[in-house]
């Protein structure tokens, strides 16, 4: 039930378990994140992502596509993917960069969407989840680690009780 929180310290896991046992996790999340974002389609997601990229990573590789993908969480056990494709076009190799965000974040709080987009953008500069990667994430979103935990709590809520925004 707490598979999204396994690498967190025991006191955090116990607090989450307490909220779940008392059926208060959804209310806690709604109090903290009362509204969903308004990024509803792939065009809006592309624009949202490009605004962050242009603000923090102007010199990184260009993005060719950004979209919500309903198959990500089931197939890849991930929240988002950063994909590089090499294509032959006119006898030349061209690199194409894509970011795919799990469709479950299409109706989530804006803070959670931003955390996922920041994470995927950081992969444009740092392939591995190392110290530099997380420093870049925190540069783009100072509350990155806190939002990552809350996003994992949100995913636990979805799995155990369902969507808090459709009640």
C-alpha atoms as a PDB file:
ATOM      1  CA  UNK A   1       0.000   0.000   0.000  1.00  0.00           C
ATOM      2  CA  UNK A   2       2.894   2.388   0.654  1.00  0.00           C
ATOM      3  CA  UNK A   3       5.023   1.344  -2.316  1.00  0.00           C
ATOM      4  CA  UNK A   4       5.589   4.963  -3.355  1.00  0.00           C
ATOM      5  CA  UNK A   5       7.127   5.799   0.036  1.00  0.00           C
ATOM      6  CA  UNK A   6       9.476   2.840   0.591  1.00  0.00           C
ATOM      7  CA  UNK A   7      12.737   4.819   0.478  1.00  0.00           C
ATOM      8  CA  UNK A   8      11.583   7.441   3.013  1.00  0.00           C
ATOM      9  CA  UNK A   9      12.522   7.360   6.714  1.00  0.00           C
ATOM     10  CA  UNK A  10      10.315   5.299   9.013  1.00  0.00           C
ATOM     11  CA  UNK A  11       8.731   8.318  10.806  1.00  0.00           C
ATOM     12  CA  UNK A  12       7.416   9.654   7.485  1.00  0.00           C
ATOM     13  CA  UNK A  13       6.033   6.241   6.541  1.00  0.00           C
ATOM     14  CA  UNK A  14       4.329   6.012   9.940  1.00  0.00           C
ATOM     15  CA  UNK A  15       2.756   9.464   9.536  1.00  0.00           C
ATOM     16  CA  UNK A  16       1.443   8.483   6.098  1.00  0.00           C
ATOM     17  CA  UNK A  17       0.108   5.200   7.468  1.00  0.00           C
ATOM     18  CA  UNK A  18      -1.661   7.106  10.249  1.00  0.00           C
ATOM     19  CA  UNK A  19      -3.347   9.443   7.726  1.00  0.00           C
ATOM     20  CA  UNK A  20      -4.427   6.458   5.623  1.00  0.00           C
ATOM     21  CA  UNK A  21      -5.738   4.457   8.593  1.00  0.00           C
ATOM     22  CA  UNK A  22      -7.865   7.408   9.679  1.00  0.00           C
ATOM     23  CA  UNK A  23      -8.941   8.134   6.068  1.00  0.00           C
ATOM     24  CA  UNK A  24      -7.512  11.674   6.346  1.00  0.00           C
ATOM     25  CA  UNK A  25      -4.883  11.618   3.596  1.00  0.00           C
ATOM     26  CA  UNK A  26      -7.263  13.012   0.974  1.00  0.00           C
ATOM     27  CA  UNK A  27      -8.431  15.829   3.254  1.00  0.00           C
ATOM     28  CA  UNK A  28      -4.822  16.650   4.156  1.00  0.00           C
ATOM     29  CA  UNK A  29      -3.866  16.843   0.464  1.00  0.00           C
ATOM     30  CA  UNK A  30      -6.952  18.905  -0.433  1.00  0.00           C
ATOM     31  CA  UNK A  31      -6.200  21.353   2.354  1.00  0.00           C
ATOM     32  CA  UNK A  32      -2.644  21.782   1.104  1.00  0.00           C
ATOM     33  CA  UNK A  33      -3.414  21.658  -2.650  1.00  0.00           C
ATOM     34  CA  UNK A  34      -7.054  22.750  -3.065  1.00  0.00           C
ATOM     35  CA  UNK A  35      -7.049  23.157  -6.855  1.00  0.00           C
ATOM     36  CA  UNK A  36      -6.012  21.284  -9.971  1.00  0.00           C
ATOM     37  CA  UNK A  37      -3.879  22.956 -12.621  1.00  0.00           C
ATOM     38  CA  UNK A  38      -5.434  24.090 -15.899  1.00  0.00           C
ATOM     39  CA  UNK A  39      -2.915  22.390 -18.236  1.00  0.00           C
ATOM     40  CA  UNK A  40      -5.407  20.023 -19.873  1.00  0.00           C
ATOM     41  CA  UNK A  41      -3.985  19.154 -23.286  1.00  0.00           C
ATOM     42  CA  UNK A  42      -0.659  18.411 -24.928  1.00  0.00           C
ATOM     43  CA  UNK A  43      -0.325  21.881 -26.470  1.00  0.00           C
ATOM     44  CA  UNK A  44      -0.781  23.524 -23.071  1.00  0.00           C
ATOM     45  CA  UNK A  45       1.683  21.038 -21.540  1.00  0.00           C
ATOM     46  CA  UNK A  46       4.242  21.831 -24.248  1.00  0.00           C
ATOM     47  CA  UNK A  47       3.847  25.577 -23.601  1.00  0.00           C
ATOM     48  CA  UNK A  48       4.099  25.057 -19.816  1.00  0.00           C
ATOM     49  CA  UNK A  49       7.235  22.922 -20.188  1.00  0.00           C
ATOM     50  CA  UNK A  50       8.877  25.286 -22.666  1.00  0.00           C
ATOM     51  CA  UNK A  51       8.295  28.256 -20.348  1.00  0.00           C
ATOM     52  CA  UNK A  52      10.193  26.438 -17.582  1.00  0.00           C
ATOM     53  CA  UNK A  53      12.884  25.257 -20.006  1.00  0.00           C
ATOM     54  CA  UNK A  54      13.386  28.773 -21.380  1.00  0.00           C
ATOM     55  CA  UNK A  55      13.600  30.193 -17.875  1.00  0.00           C
ATOM     56  CA  UNK A  56      16.168  27.732 -16.524  1.00  0.00           C
ATOM     57  CA  UNK A  57      17.727  25.687 -19.348  1.00  0.00           C
ATOM     58  CA  UNK A  58      17.949  27.925 -22.417  1.00  0.00           C
ATOM     59  CA  UNK A  59      21.132  26.310 -23.692  1.00  0.00           C
ATOM     60  CA  UNK A  60      19.951  22.689 -23.343  1.00  0.00           C
ATOM     61  CA  UNK A  61      18.862  20.520 -26.267  1.00  0.00           C
ATOM     62  CA  UNK A  62      15.631  21.598 -27.964  1.00  0.00           C
ATOM     63  CA  UNK A  63      12.421  19.726 -27.165  1.00  0.00           C
ATOM     64  CA  UNK A  64      10.456  18.359 -30.095  1.00  0.00           C
ATOM     65  CA  UNK A  65       7.467  16.967 -28.243  1.00  0.00           C
ATOM     66  CA  UNK A  66       5.879  17.125 -24.798  1.00  0.00           C
ATOM     67  CA  UNK A  67       2.724  15.183 -24.049  1.00  0.00           C
ATOM     68  CA  UNK A  68       0.564  13.412 -21.491  1.00  0.00           C
ATOM     69  CA  UNK A  69       0.879   9.641 -21.877  1.00  0.00           C
ATOM     70  CA  UNK A  70      -1.638   7.232 -20.365  1.00  0.00           C
ATOM     71  CA  UNK A  71       0.681   4.242 -20.692  1.00  0.00           C
ATOM     72  CA  UNK A  72       3.613   5.520 -18.645  1.00  0.00           C
ATOM     73  CA  UNK A  73       2.768   4.418 -15.123  1.00  0.00           C
ATOM     74  CA  UNK A  74       1.657   0.927 -16.154  1.00  0.00           C
ATOM     75  CA  UNK A  75       4.502   0.183 -18.577  1.00  0.00           C
ATOM     76  CA  UNK A  76       7.494   1.986 -17.114  1.00  0.00           C
ATOM     77  CA  UNK A  77       6.736   2.365 -13.389  1.00  0.00           C
ATOM     78  CA  UNK A  78       7.489   6.058 -13.823  1.00  0.00           C
ATOM     79  CA  UNK A  79       5.781   9.440 -13.522  1.00  0.00           C
ATOM     80  CA  UNK A  80       7.377  10.844 -16.641  1.00  0.00           C
ATOM     81  CA  UNK A  81       9.877   9.900 -19.314  1.00  0.00           C
ATOM     82  CA  UNK A  82      12.602  11.732 -21.147  1.00  0.00           C
ATOM     83  CA  UNK A  83      13.076  10.113 -24.548  1.00  0.00           C
ATOM     84  CA  UNK A  84      15.837  10.720 -27.091  1.00  0.00           C
ATOM     85  CA  UNK A  85      15.286   9.415 -30.590  1.00  0.00           C
ATOM     86  CA  UNK A  86      17.695   9.494 -33.474  1.00  0.00           C
ATOM     87  CA  UNK A  87      16.112   9.699 -36.910  1.00  0.00           C
ATOM     88  CA  UNK A  88      17.525   9.712 -40.419  1.00  0.00           C
ATOM     89  CA  UNK A  89      16.215  12.684 -42.345  1.00  0.00           C
ATOM     90  CA  UNK A  90      17.615  13.541 -45.769  1.00  0.00           C
ATOM     91  CA  UNK A  91      20.700  11.414 -45.223  1.00  0.00           C
ATOM     92  CA  UNK A  92      21.474  13.128 -41.902  1.00  0.00           C
ATOM     93  CA  UNK A  93      20.968  11.960 -38.362  1.00  0.00           C
ATOM     94  CA  UNK A  94      18.697  14.180 -36.305  1.00  0.00           C
ATOM     95  CA  UNK A  95      18.175  13.888 -32.571  1.00  0.00           C
ATOM     96  CA  UNK A  96      14.654  14.381 -31.262  1.00  0.00           C
ATOM     97  CA  UNK A  97      13.927  14.951 -27.585  1.00  0.00           C
ATOM     98  CA  UNK A  98      10.557  14.133 -26.046  1.00  0.00           C
ATOM     99  CA  UNK A  99       9.121  14.461 -22.584  1.00  0.00           C
ATOM    100  CA  UNK A 100       6.136  12.325 -21.662  1.00  0.00           C
ATOM    101  CA  UNK A 101       4.204  12.940 -18.455  1.00  0.00           C
ATOM    102  CA  UNK A 102       1.911  10.342 -16.903  1.00  0.00           C
ATOM    103  CA  UNK A 103      -1.717  11.094 -17.765  1.00  0.00           C
ATOM    104  CA  UNK A 104      -2.705  10.830 -14.097  1.00  0.00           C
ATOM    105  CA  UNK A 105      -1.087  14.267 -13.675  1.00  0.00           C
ATOM    106  CA  UNK A 106      -3.480  15.808 -16.183  1.00  0.00           C
ATOM    107  CA  UNK A 107      -5.877  16.486 -13.298  1.00  0.00           C
ATOM    108  CA  UNK A 108      -3.441  17.006 -10.418  1.00  0.00           C
ATOM    109  CA  UNK A 109      -2.327  20.112  -8.512  1.00  0.00           C
ATOM    110  CA  UNK A 110      -0.008  22.420 -10.446  1.00  0.00           C
ATOM    111  CA  UNK A 111       2.785  21.894  -7.903  1.00  0.00           C
ATOM    112  CA  UNK A 112       2.877  18.157  -8.686  1.00  0.00           C
ATOM    113  CA  UNK A 113       2.905  18.759 -12.440  1.00  0.00           C
ATOM    114  CA  UNK A 114       5.728  21.276 -12.027  1.00  0.00           C
ATOM    115  CA  UNK A 115       7.764  18.814  -9.956  1.00  0.00           C
ATOM    116  CA  UNK A 116       7.445  16.127 -12.654  1.00  0.00           C
ATOM    117  CA  UNK A 117       8.260  18.557 -15.497  1.00  0.00           C
ATOM    118  CA  UNK A 118      11.267  19.927 -13.586  1.00  0.00           C
ATOM    119  CA  UNK A 119      12.484  16.365 -13.026  1.00  0.00           C
ATOM    120  CA  UNK A 120      12.234  15.521 -16.726  1.00  0.00           C
ATOM    121  CA  UNK A 121      13.817  18.816 -17.784  1.00  0.00           C
ATOM    122  CA  UNK A 122      16.758  18.146 -15.465  1.00  0.00           C
ATOM    123  CA  UNK A 123      17.382  14.963 -17.443  1.00  0.00           C
ATOM    124  CA  UNK A 124      18.220  17.144 -20.470  1.00  0.00           C
ATOM    125  CA  UNK A 125      21.442  18.103 -18.656  1.00  0.00           C
ATOM    126  CA  UNK A 126      21.989  15.215 -16.232  1.00  0.00           C
ATOM    127  CA  UNK A 127      21.166  11.658 -17.284  1.00  0.00           C
ATOM    128  CA  UNK A 128      21.616  10.079 -13.849  1.00  0.00           C
ATOM    129  CA  UNK A 129      19.911  10.762 -10.535  1.00  0.00           C
ATOM    130  CA  UNK A 130      23.057  12.114  -8.923  1.00  0.00           C
ATOM    131  CA  UNK A 131      23.869  15.112  -6.739  1.00  0.00           C
ATOM    132  CA  UNK A 132      24.109  17.481  -9.744  1.00  0.00           C
ATOM    133  CA  UNK A 133      20.739  16.271 -11.007  1.00  0.00           C
ATOM    134  CA  UNK A 134      18.981  17.020  -7.717  1.00  0.00           C
ATOM    135  CA  UNK A 135      20.774  20.377  -7.378  1.00  0.00           C
ATOM    136  CA  UNK A 136      19.399  21.323 -10.795  1.00  0.00           C
ATOM    137  CA  UNK A 137      15.902  20.188  -9.777  1.00  0.00           C
ATOM    138  CA  UNK A 138      16.126  22.321  -6.635  1.00  0.00           C
ATOM    139  CA  UNK A 139      17.391  25.285  -8.682  1.00  0.00           C
ATOM    140  CA  UNK A 140      14.285  25.110 -10.875  1.00  0.00           C
ATOM    141  CA  UNK A 141      11.932  24.288  -7.971  1.00  0.00           C
ATOM    142  CA  UNK A 142      13.293  25.094  -4.501  1.00  0.00           C
ATOM    143  CA  UNK A 143      10.651  22.879  -2.835  1.00  0.00           C
ATOM    144  CA  UNK A 144      11.448  19.949  -5.134  1.00  0.00           C
ATOM    145  CA  UNK A 145      12.063  17.317  -2.432  1.00  0.00           C
ATOM    146  CA  UNK A 146       8.997  18.328  -0.443  1.00  0.00           C
ATOM    147  CA  UNK A 147       6.833  18.240  -3.568  1.00  0.00           C
ATOM    148  CA  UNK A 148       8.225  14.841  -4.508  1.00  0.00           C
ATOM    149  CA  UNK A 149       7.059  13.444  -1.159  1.00  0.00           C
ATOM    150  CA  UNK A 150       3.639  15.078  -1.487  1.00  0.00           C
ATOM    151  CA  UNK A 151       3.320  13.732  -5.037  1.00  0.00           C
ATOM    152  CA  UNK A 152       4.054  10.247  -3.729  1.00  0.00           C
ATOM    153  CA  UNK A 153       1.396  10.753  -1.053  1.00  0.00           C
ATOM    154  CA  UNK A 154      -1.027  11.860  -3.779  1.00  0.00           C
ATOM    155  CA  UNK A 155      -0.289   8.706  -5.779  1.00  0.00           C
ATOM    156  CA  UNK A 156      -0.881   6.638  -2.640  1.00  0.00           C
ATOM    157  CA  UNK A 157      -4.206   8.442  -2.190  1.00  0.00           C
ATOM    158  CA  UNK A 158      -5.179   7.648  -5.791  1.00  0.00           C
ATOM    159  CA  UNK A 159      -4.315   3.984  -5.356  1.00  0.00           C
ATOM    160  CA  UNK A 160      -5.977   3.468  -1.979  1.00  0.00           C
ATOM    161  CA  UNK A 161      -8.993   5.785  -2.002  1.00  0.00           C
ATOM    162  CA  UNK A 162      -9.273   7.297  -5.495  1.00  0.00           C
ATOM    163  CA  UNK A 163      -9.171  10.835  -6.836  1.00  0.00           C
ATOM    164  CA  UNK A 164      -9.710  13.593  -4.280  1.00  0.00           C
ATOM    165  CA  UNK A 165     -10.777  16.108  -6.909  1.00  0.00           C
ATOM    166  CA  UNK A 166     -13.730  14.125  -8.239  1.00  0.00           C
ATOM    167  CA  UNK A 167     -15.515  13.860  -4.876  1.00  0.00           C
END
